Amino acid sequence: MSPLSAGVTWLGLGLTLGTAGLVTYGLAALPCSGSVRPEDAELVCRPARRTALGLGVLGALASIVGTVYLVLHATKFR
């Protein structure tokens, strides 16, 4: 696999995971804004927020890896 195709693949993965993290965080905020007791809403939201944070971190790392591959391709490394 060339650095160009690896970079594009990793960037796509990073964008996908980042988007999934944003959607997960948005869905986690829904119970907090309704007429639910704050204690119950917090119990529901906490695991979803942790999942969203994990997806965001994985997305950022994949984007960094993709950027490194693209820089290696641009500098004709090999």
PDB file of N, CA and C in Angstrom:
ATOM      1  N   MET A   1       0.854  -1.171   0.000  1.00  0.00           N
ATOM      2  CA  MET A   1       0.000   0.000   0.000  1.00  0.00           C
ATOM      3  C   MET A   1       0.903   1.238   0.000  1.00  0.00           C
ATOM      4  N   SER A   2       0.607   2.147  -0.884  1.00  0.00           N
ATOM      5  CA  SER A   2       1.416   3.356  -0.970  1.00  0.00           C
ATOM      6  C   SER A   2       1.077   4.303   0.184  1.00  0.00           C
ATOM      7  N   PRO A   3       2.002   5.202   0.520  1.00  0.00           N
ATOM      8  CA  PRO A   3       1.707   6.165   1.585  1.00  0.00           C
ATOM      9  C   PRO A   3       0.501   7.045   1.274  1.00  0.00           C
ATOM     10  N   LEU A   4       0.268   7.320  -0.014  1.00  0.00           N
ATOM     11  CA  LEU A   4      -0.882   8.150  -0.374  1.00  0.00           C
ATOM     12  C   LEU A   4      -2.196   7.449  -0.047  1.00  0.00           C
ATOM     13  N   SER A   5      -2.331   6.202  -0.479  1.00  0.00           N
ATOM     14  CA  SER A   5      -3.581   5.498  -0.200  1.00  0.00           C
ATOM     15  C   SER A   5      -3.738   5.204   1.294  1.00  0.00           C
ATOM     16  N   ALA A   6      -2.619   4.918   1.973  1.00  0.00           N
ATOM     17  CA  ALA A   6      -2.703   4.707   3.427  1.00  0.00           C
ATOM     18  C   ALA A   6      -3.116   5.984   4.139  1.00  0.00           C
ATOM     19  N   GLY A   7      -2.578   7.113   3.704  1.00  0.00           N
ATOM     20  CA  GLY A   7      -2.936   8.386   4.323  1.00  0.00           C
ATOM     21  C   GLY A   7      -4.394   8.733   4.139  1.00  0.00           C
ATOM     22  N   VAL A   8      -4.893   8.535   2.919  1.00  0.00           N
ATOM     23  CA  VAL A   8      -6.300   8.829   2.652  1.00  0.00           C
ATOM     24  C   VAL A   8      -7.205   7.892   3.449  1.00  0.00           C
ATOM     25  N   THR A   9      -6.815   6.627   3.540  1.00  0.00           N
ATOM     26  CA  THR A   9      -7.604   5.664   4.312  1.00  0.00           C
ATOM     27  C   THR A   9      -7.652   6.052   5.782  1.00  0.00           C
ATOM     28  N   TRP A  10      -6.506   6.388   6.353  1.00  0.00           N
ATOM     29  CA  TRP A  10      -6.464   6.766   7.765  1.00  0.00           C
ATOM     30  C   TRP A  10      -7.221   8.069   8.017  1.00  0.00           C
ATOM     31  N   LEU A  11      -7.120   9.024   7.104  1.00  0.00           N
ATOM     32  CA  LEU A  11      -7.889  10.259   7.273  1.00  0.00           C
ATOM     33  C   LEU A  11      -9.386   9.992   7.208  1.00  0.00           C
ATOM     34  N   GLY A  12      -9.801   9.114   6.311  1.00  0.00           N
ATOM     35  CA  GLY A  12     -11.216   8.752   6.242  1.00  0.00           C
ATOM     36  C   GLY A  12     -11.698   8.086   7.517  1.00  0.00           C
ATOM     37  N   LEU A  13     -10.855   7.212   8.056  1.00  0.00           N
ATOM     38  CA  LEU A  13     -11.201   6.568   9.325  1.00  0.00           C
ATOM     39  C   LEU A  13     -11.297   7.596  10.446  1.00  0.00           C
ATOM     40  N   GLY A  14     -10.361   8.536  10.457  1.00  0.00           N
ATOM     41  CA  GLY A  14     -10.390   9.583  11.485  1.00  0.00           C
ATOM     42  C   GLY A  14     -11.630  10.438  11.406  1.00  0.00           C
ATOM     43  N   LEU A  15     -12.020  10.816  10.192  1.00  0.00           N
ATOM     44  CA  LEU A  15     -13.233  11.618  10.029  1.00  0.00           C
ATOM     45  C   LEU A  15     -14.477  10.827  10.425  1.00  0.00           C
ATOM     46  N   THR A  16     -14.496   9.558  10.086  1.00  0.00           N
ATOM     47  CA  THR A  16     -15.644   8.719  10.441  1.00  0.00           C
ATOM     48  C   THR A  16     -15.771   8.579  11.958  1.00  0.00           C
ATOM     49  N   LEU A  17     -14.657   8.307  12.621  1.00  0.00           N
ATOM     50  CA  LEU A  17     -14.701   8.156  14.080  1.00  0.00           C
ATOM     51  C   LEU A  17     -15.027   9.480  14.771  1.00  0.00           C
ATOM     52  N   GLY A  18     -14.491  10.576  14.246  1.00  0.00           N
ATOM     53  CA  GLY A  18     -14.809  11.884  14.816  1.00  0.00           C
ATOM     54  C   GLY A  18     -16.283  12.221  14.686  1.00  0.00           C
ATOM     55  N   THR A  19     -16.853  11.921  13.531  1.00  0.00           N
ATOM     56  CA  THR A  19     -18.279  12.156  13.326  1.00  0.00           C
ATOM     57  C   THR A  19     -19.115  11.269  14.239  1.00  0.00           C
ATOM     58  N   ALA A  20     -18.707  10.014  14.391  1.00  0.00           N
ATOM     59  CA  ALA A  20     -19.433   9.113  15.297  1.00  0.00           C
ATOM     60  C   ALA A  20     -19.369   9.630  16.730  1.00  0.00           C
ATOM     61  N   GLY A  21     -18.233  10.185  17.128  1.00  0.00           N
ATOM     62  CA  GLY A  21     -18.111  10.759  18.468  1.00  0.00           C
ATOM     63  C   GLY A  21     -19.034  11.950  18.665  1.00  0.00           C
ATOM     64  N   LEU A  22     -19.121  12.815  17.647  1.00  0.00           N
ATOM     65  CA  LEU A  22     -20.013  13.970  17.755  1.00  0.00           C
ATOM     66  C   LEU A  22     -21.478  13.551  17.826  1.00  0.00           C
ATOM     67  N   VAL A  23     -21.855  12.575  17.025  1.00  0.00           N
ATOM     68  CA  VAL A  23     -23.241  12.096  17.044  1.00  0.00           C
ATOM     69  C   VAL A  23     -23.553  11.439  18.386  1.00  0.00           C
ATOM     70  N   THR A  24     -22.615  10.641  18.892  1.00  0.00           N
ATOM     71  CA  THR A  24     -22.822   9.990  20.190  1.00  0.00           C
ATOM     72  C   THR A  24     -22.963  11.017  21.297  1.00  0.00           C
ATOM     73  N   TYR A  25     -22.127  12.053  21.263  1.00  0.00           N
ATOM     74  CA  TYR A  25     -22.219  13.091  22.296  1.00  0.00           C
ATOM     75  C   TYR A  25     -23.545  13.852  22.179  1.00  0.00           C
ATOM     76  N   GLY A  26     -23.974  14.116  20.956  1.00  0.00           N
ATOM     77  CA  GLY A  26     -25.253  14.796  20.770  1.00  0.00           C
ATOM     78  C   GLY A  26     -26.426  13.964  21.273  1.00  0.00           C
ATOM     79  N   LEU A  27     -26.381  12.659  21.020  1.00  0.00           N
ATOM     80  CA  LEU A  27     -27.438  11.790  21.527  1.00  0.00           C
ATOM     81  C   LEU A  27     -27.392  11.662  23.041  1.00  0.00           C
ATOM     82  N   ALA A  28     -26.186  11.773  23.606  1.00  0.00           N
ATOM     83  CA  ALA A  28     -26.063  11.694  25.065  1.00  0.00           C
ATOM     84  C   ALA A  28     -26.655  12.923  25.731  1.00  0.00           C
ATOM     85  N   ALA A  29     -26.667  14.040  25.029  1.00  0.00           N
ATOM     86  CA  ALA A  29     -27.199  15.269  25.615  1.00  0.00           C
ATOM     87  C   ALA A  29     -28.724  15.322  25.591  1.00  0.00           C
ATOM     88  N   LEU A  30     -29.369  14.483  24.787  1.00  0.00           N
ATOM     89  CA  LEU A  30     -30.825  14.535  24.686  1.00  0.00           C
ATOM     90  C   LEU A  30     -31.550  14.266  26.006  1.00  0.00           C
ATOM     91  N   PRO A  31     -31.189  13.196  26.756  1.00  0.00           N
ATOM     92  CA  PRO A  31     -31.916  12.973  28.011  1.00  0.00           C
ATOM     93  C   PRO A  31     -31.675  14.067  29.039  1.00  0.00           C
ATOM     94  N   CYS A  32     -30.576  14.781  28.915  1.00  0.00           N
ATOM     95  CA  CYS A  32     -30.255  15.821  29.898  1.00  0.00           C
ATOM     96  C   CYS A  32     -31.106  17.064  29.705  1.00  0.00           C
ATOM     97  N   SER A  33     -31.712  17.212  28.534  1.00  0.00           N
ATOM     98  CA  SER A  33     -32.453  18.431  28.269  1.00  0.00           C
ATOM     99  C   SER A  33     -33.968  18.243  28.420  1.00  0.00           C
ATOM    100  N   GLY A  34     -34.405  17.054  28.748  1.00  0.00           N
ATOM    101  CA  GLY A  34     -35.835  16.799  28.860  1.00  0.00           C
ATOM    102  C   GLY A  34     -36.342  17.008  30.272  1.00  0.00           C
ATOM    103  N   SER A  35     -37.478  16.432  30.539  1.00  0.00           N
ATOM    104  CA  SER A  35     -38.109  16.576  31.850  1.00  0.00           C
ATOM    105  C   SER A  35     -37.729  15.409  32.764  1.00  0.00           C
ATOM    106  N   VAL A  36     -36.524  14.900  32.600  1.00  0.00           N
ATOM    107  CA  VAL A  36     -36.035  13.783  33.394  1.00  0.00           C
ATOM    108  C   VAL A  36     -35.322  14.339  34.623  1.00  0.00           C
ATOM    109  N   ARG A  37     -35.383  13.586  35.714  1.00  0.00           N
ATOM    110  CA  ARG A  37     -34.667  14.027  36.909  1.00  0.00           C
ATOM    111  C   ARG A  37     -33.179  14.133  36.593  1.00  0.00           C
ATOM    112  N   PRO A  38     -32.493  15.126  37.128  1.00  0.00           N
ATOM    113  CA  PRO A  38     -31.074  15.312  36.829  1.00  0.00           C
ATOM    114  C   PRO A  38     -30.211  14.094  37.188  1.00  0.00           C
ATOM    115  N   GLU A  39     -30.563  13.404  38.283  1.00  0.00           N
ATOM    116  CA  GLU A  39     -29.769  12.236  38.689  1.00  0.00           C
ATOM    117  C   GLU A  39     -29.887  11.110  37.657  1.00  0.00           C
ATOM    118  N   ASP A  40     -31.118  10.879  37.183  1.00  0.00           N
ATOM    119  CA  ASP A  40     -31.326   9.831  36.183  1.00  0.00           C
ATOM    120  C   ASP A  40     -30.666  10.197  34.854  1.00  0.00           C
ATOM    121  N   ALA A  41     -30.776  11.456  34.486  1.00  0.00           N
ATOM    122  CA  ALA A  41     -30.171  11.893  33.228  1.00  0.00           C
ATOM    123  C   ALA A  41     -28.657  11.747  33.274  1.00  0.00           C
ATOM    124  N   GLU A  42     -28.063  12.052  34.412  1.00  0.00           N
ATOM    125  CA  GLU A  42     -26.602  11.935  34.530  1.00  0.00           C
ATOM    126  C   GLU A  42     -26.152  10.482  34.450  1.00  0.00           C
ATOM    127  N   LEU A  43     -26.924   9.571  35.029  1.00  0.00           N
ATOM    128  CA  LEU A  43     -26.584   8.145  34.945  1.00  0.00           C
ATOM    129  C   LEU A  43     -26.632   7.644  33.505  1.00  0.00           C
ATOM    130  N   VAL A  44     -27.547   8.178  32.718  1.00  0.00           N
ATOM    131  CA  VAL A  44     -27.667   7.773  31.322  1.00  0.00           C
ATOM    132  C   VAL A  44     -26.573   8.428  30.473  1.00  0.00           C
ATOM    133  N   CYS A  45     -26.281   9.667  30.749  1.00  0.00           N
ATOM    134  CA  CYS A  45     -25.368  10.434  29.901  1.00  0.00           C
ATOM    135  C   CYS A  45     -23.897  10.082  30.108  1.00  0.00           C
ATOM    136  N   ARG A  46     -23.512   9.701  31.309  1.00  0.00           N
ATOM    137  CA  ARG A  46     -22.093   9.497  31.610  1.00  0.00           C
ATOM    138  C   ARG A  46     -21.423   8.441  30.720  1.00  0.00           C
ATOM    139  N   PRO A  47     -21.982   7.231  30.562  1.00  0.00           N
ATOM    140  CA  PRO A  47     -21.310   6.255  29.686  1.00  0.00           C
ATOM    141  C   PRO A  47     -21.271   6.703  28.224  1.00  0.00           C
ATOM    142  N   ALA A  48     -22.325   7.365  27.773  1.00  0.00           N
ATOM    143  CA  ALA A  48     -22.345   7.827  26.387  1.00  0.00           C
ATOM    144  C   ALA A  48     -21.303   8.922  26.167  1.00  0.00           C
ATOM    145  N   ARG A  49     -21.114   9.768  27.140  1.00  0.00           N
ATOM    146  CA  ARG A  49     -20.082  10.808  27.013  1.00  0.00           C
ATOM    147  C   ARG A  49     -18.691  10.197  26.988  1.00  0.00           C
ATOM    148  N   ARG A  50     -18.471   9.179  27.798  1.00  0.00           N
ATOM    149  CA  ARG A  50     -17.169   8.501  27.775  1.00  0.00           C
ATOM    150  C   ARG A  50     -16.933   7.822  26.429  1.00  0.00           C
ATOM    151  N   THR A  51     -17.967   7.210  25.887  1.00  0.00           N
ATOM    152  CA  THR A  51     -17.853   6.586  24.577  1.00  0.00           C
ATOM    153  C   THR A  51     -17.552   7.640  23.514  1.00  0.00           C
ATOM    154  N   ALA A  52     -18.242   8.771  23.582  1.00  0.00           N
ATOM    155  CA  ALA A  52     -18.010   9.844  22.620  1.00  0.00           C
ATOM    156  C   ALA A  52     -16.583  10.381  22.734  1.00  0.00           C
ATOM    157  N   LEU A  53     -16.092  10.507  23.938  1.00  0.00           N
ATOM    158  CA  LEU A  53     -14.716  10.976  24.135  1.00  0.00           C
ATOM    159  C   LEU A  53     -13.720   9.976  23.560  1.00  0.00           C
ATOM    160  N   GLY A  54     -13.966   8.689  23.793  1.00  0.00           N
ATOM    161  CA  GLY A  54     -13.091   7.657  23.240  1.00  0.00           C
ATOM    162  C   GLY A  54     -13.094   7.661  21.725  1.00  0.00           C
ATOM    163  N   LEU A  55     -14.266   7.806  21.120  1.00  0.00           N
ATOM    164  CA  LEU A  55     -14.353   7.870  19.665  1.00  0.00           C
ATOM    165  C   LEU A  55     -13.636   9.107  19.127  1.00  0.00           C
ATOM    166  N   GLY A  56     -13.767  10.210  19.827  1.00  0.00           N
ATOM    167  CA  GLY A  56     -13.085  11.434  19.410  1.00  0.00           C
ATOM    168  C   GLY A  56     -11.579  11.303  19.473  1.00  0.00           C
ATOM    169  N   VAL A  57     -11.071  10.669  20.528  1.00  0.00           N
ATOM    170  CA  VAL A  57      -9.628  10.462  20.659  1.00  0.00           C
ATOM    171  C   VAL A  57      -9.123   9.528  19.561  1.00  0.00           C
ATOM    172  N   LEU A  58      -9.844   8.451  19.315  1.00  0.00           N
ATOM    173  CA  LEU A  58      -9.443   7.539  18.242  1.00  0.00           C
ATOM    174  C   LEU A  58      -9.482   8.231  16.876  1.00  0.00           C
ATOM    175  N   GLY A  59     -10.478   9.070  16.669  1.00  0.00           N
ATOM    176  CA  GLY A  59     -10.559   9.816  15.419  1.00  0.00           C
ATOM    177  C   GLY A  59      -9.398  10.775  15.246  1.00  0.00           C
ATOM    178  N   ALA A  60      -9.020  11.446  16.335  1.00  0.00           N
ATOM    179  CA  ALA A  60      -7.879  12.362  16.267  1.00  0.00           C
ATOM    180  C   ALA A  60      -6.584  11.609  15.986  1.00  0.00           C
ATOM    181  N   LEU A  61      -6.405  10.477  16.641  1.00  0.00           N
ATOM    182  CA  LEU A  61      -5.188   9.690  16.403  1.00  0.00           C
ATOM    183  C   LEU A  61      -5.129   9.167  14.972  1.00  0.00           C
ATOM    184  N   ALA A  62      -6.254   8.705  14.450  1.00  0.00           N
ATOM    185  CA  ALA A  62      -6.275   8.227  13.068  1.00  0.00           C
ATOM    186  C   ALA A  62      -5.992   9.363  12.094  1.00  0.00           C
ATOM    187  N   SER A  63      -6.482  10.554  12.391  1.00  0.00           N
ATOM    188  CA  SER A  63      -6.203  11.701  11.527  1.00  0.00           C
ATOM    189  C   SER A  63      -4.720  12.065  11.558  1.00  0.00           C
ATOM    190  N   ILE A  64      -4.107  11.959  12.718  1.00  0.00           N
ATOM    191  CA  ILE A  64      -2.669  12.237  12.821  1.00  0.00           C
ATOM    192  C   ILE A  64      -1.866  11.219  12.025  1.00  0.00           C
ATOM    193  N   VAL A  65      -2.231   9.948  12.147  1.00  0.00           N
ATOM    194  CA  VAL A  65      -1.534   8.900  11.391  1.00  0.00           C
ATOM    195  C   VAL A  65      -1.698   9.140   9.886  1.00  0.00           C
ATOM    196  N   GLY A  66      -2.902   9.484   9.460  1.00  0.00           N
ATOM    197  CA  GLY A  66      -3.142   9.769   8.048  1.00  0.00           C
ATOM    198  C   GLY A  66      -2.335  10.955   7.557  1.00  0.00           C
ATOM    199  N   THR A  67      -2.238  11.984   8.375  1.00  0.00           N
ATOM    200  CA  THR A  67      -1.452  13.153   8.004  1.00  0.00           C
ATOM    201  C   THR A  67       0.025  12.804   7.875  1.00  0.00           C
ATOM    202  N   VAL A  68       0.530  11.980   8.775  1.00  0.00           N
ATOM    203  CA  VAL A  68       1.927  11.550   8.695  1.00  0.00           C
ATOM    204  C   VAL A  68       2.175  10.790   7.394  1.00  0.00           C
ATOM    205  N   TYR A  69       1.280   9.893   7.045  1.00  0.00           N
ATOM    206  CA  TYR A  69       1.432   9.155   5.785  1.00  0.00           C
ATOM    207  C   TYR A  69       1.411  10.093   4.576  1.00  0.00           C
ATOM    208  N   LEU A  70       0.536  11.082   4.599  1.00  0.00           N
ATOM    209  CA  LEU A  70       0.472  12.015   3.474  1.00  0.00           C
ATOM    210  C   LEU A  70       1.728  12.879   3.394  1.00  0.00           C
ATOM    211  N   VAL A  71       2.276  13.259   4.533  1.00  0.00           N
ATOM    212  CA  VAL A  71       3.529  14.030   4.536  1.00  0.00           C
ATOM    213  C   VAL A  71       4.667  13.159   4.006  1.00  0.00           C
ATOM    214  N   LEU A  72       4.685  11.890   4.408  1.00  0.00           N
ATOM    215  CA  LEU A  72       5.705  10.991   3.887  1.00  0.00           C
ATOM    216  C   LEU A  72       5.579  10.846   2.366  1.00  0.00           C
ATOM    217  N   HIS A  73       4.358  10.808   1.879  1.00  0.00           N
ATOM    218  CA  HIS A  73       4.161  10.708   0.433  1.00  0.00           C
ATOM    219  C   HIS A  73       4.601  12.010  -0.255  1.00  0.00           C
ATOM    220  N   ALA A  74       4.262  13.157   0.335  1.00  0.00           N
ATOM    221  CA  ALA A  74       4.591  14.430  -0.279  1.00  0.00           C
ATOM    222  C   ALA A  74       6.098  14.680  -0.320  1.00  0.00           C
ATOM    223  N   THR A  75       6.816  14.140   0.652  1.00  0.00           N
ATOM    224  CA  THR A  75       8.269  14.334   0.676  1.00  0.00           C
ATOM    225  C   THR A  75       9.000  13.208  -0.032  1.00  0.00           C
ATOM    226  N   LYS A  76       8.267  12.341  -0.702  1.00  0.00           N
ATOM    227  CA  LYS A  76       8.838  11.221  -1.444  1.00  0.00           C
ATOM    228  C   LYS A  76       9.736  10.332  -0.572  1.00  0.00           C
ATOM    229  N   PHE A  77       9.234  10.025   0.629  1.00  0.00           N
ATOM    230  CA  PHE A  77       9.980   9.180   1.552  1.00  0.00           C
ATOM    231  C   PHE A  77       9.992   7.758   1.025  1.00  0.00           C
ATOM    232  N   ARG A  78      11.121   7.091   1.029  1.00  0.00           N
ATOM    233  CA  ARG A  78      11.343   5.687   0.655  1.00  0.00           C
ATOM    234  C   ARG A  78      12.560   5.579  -0.184  1.00  0.00           C
TER     235      ARG A  78
END
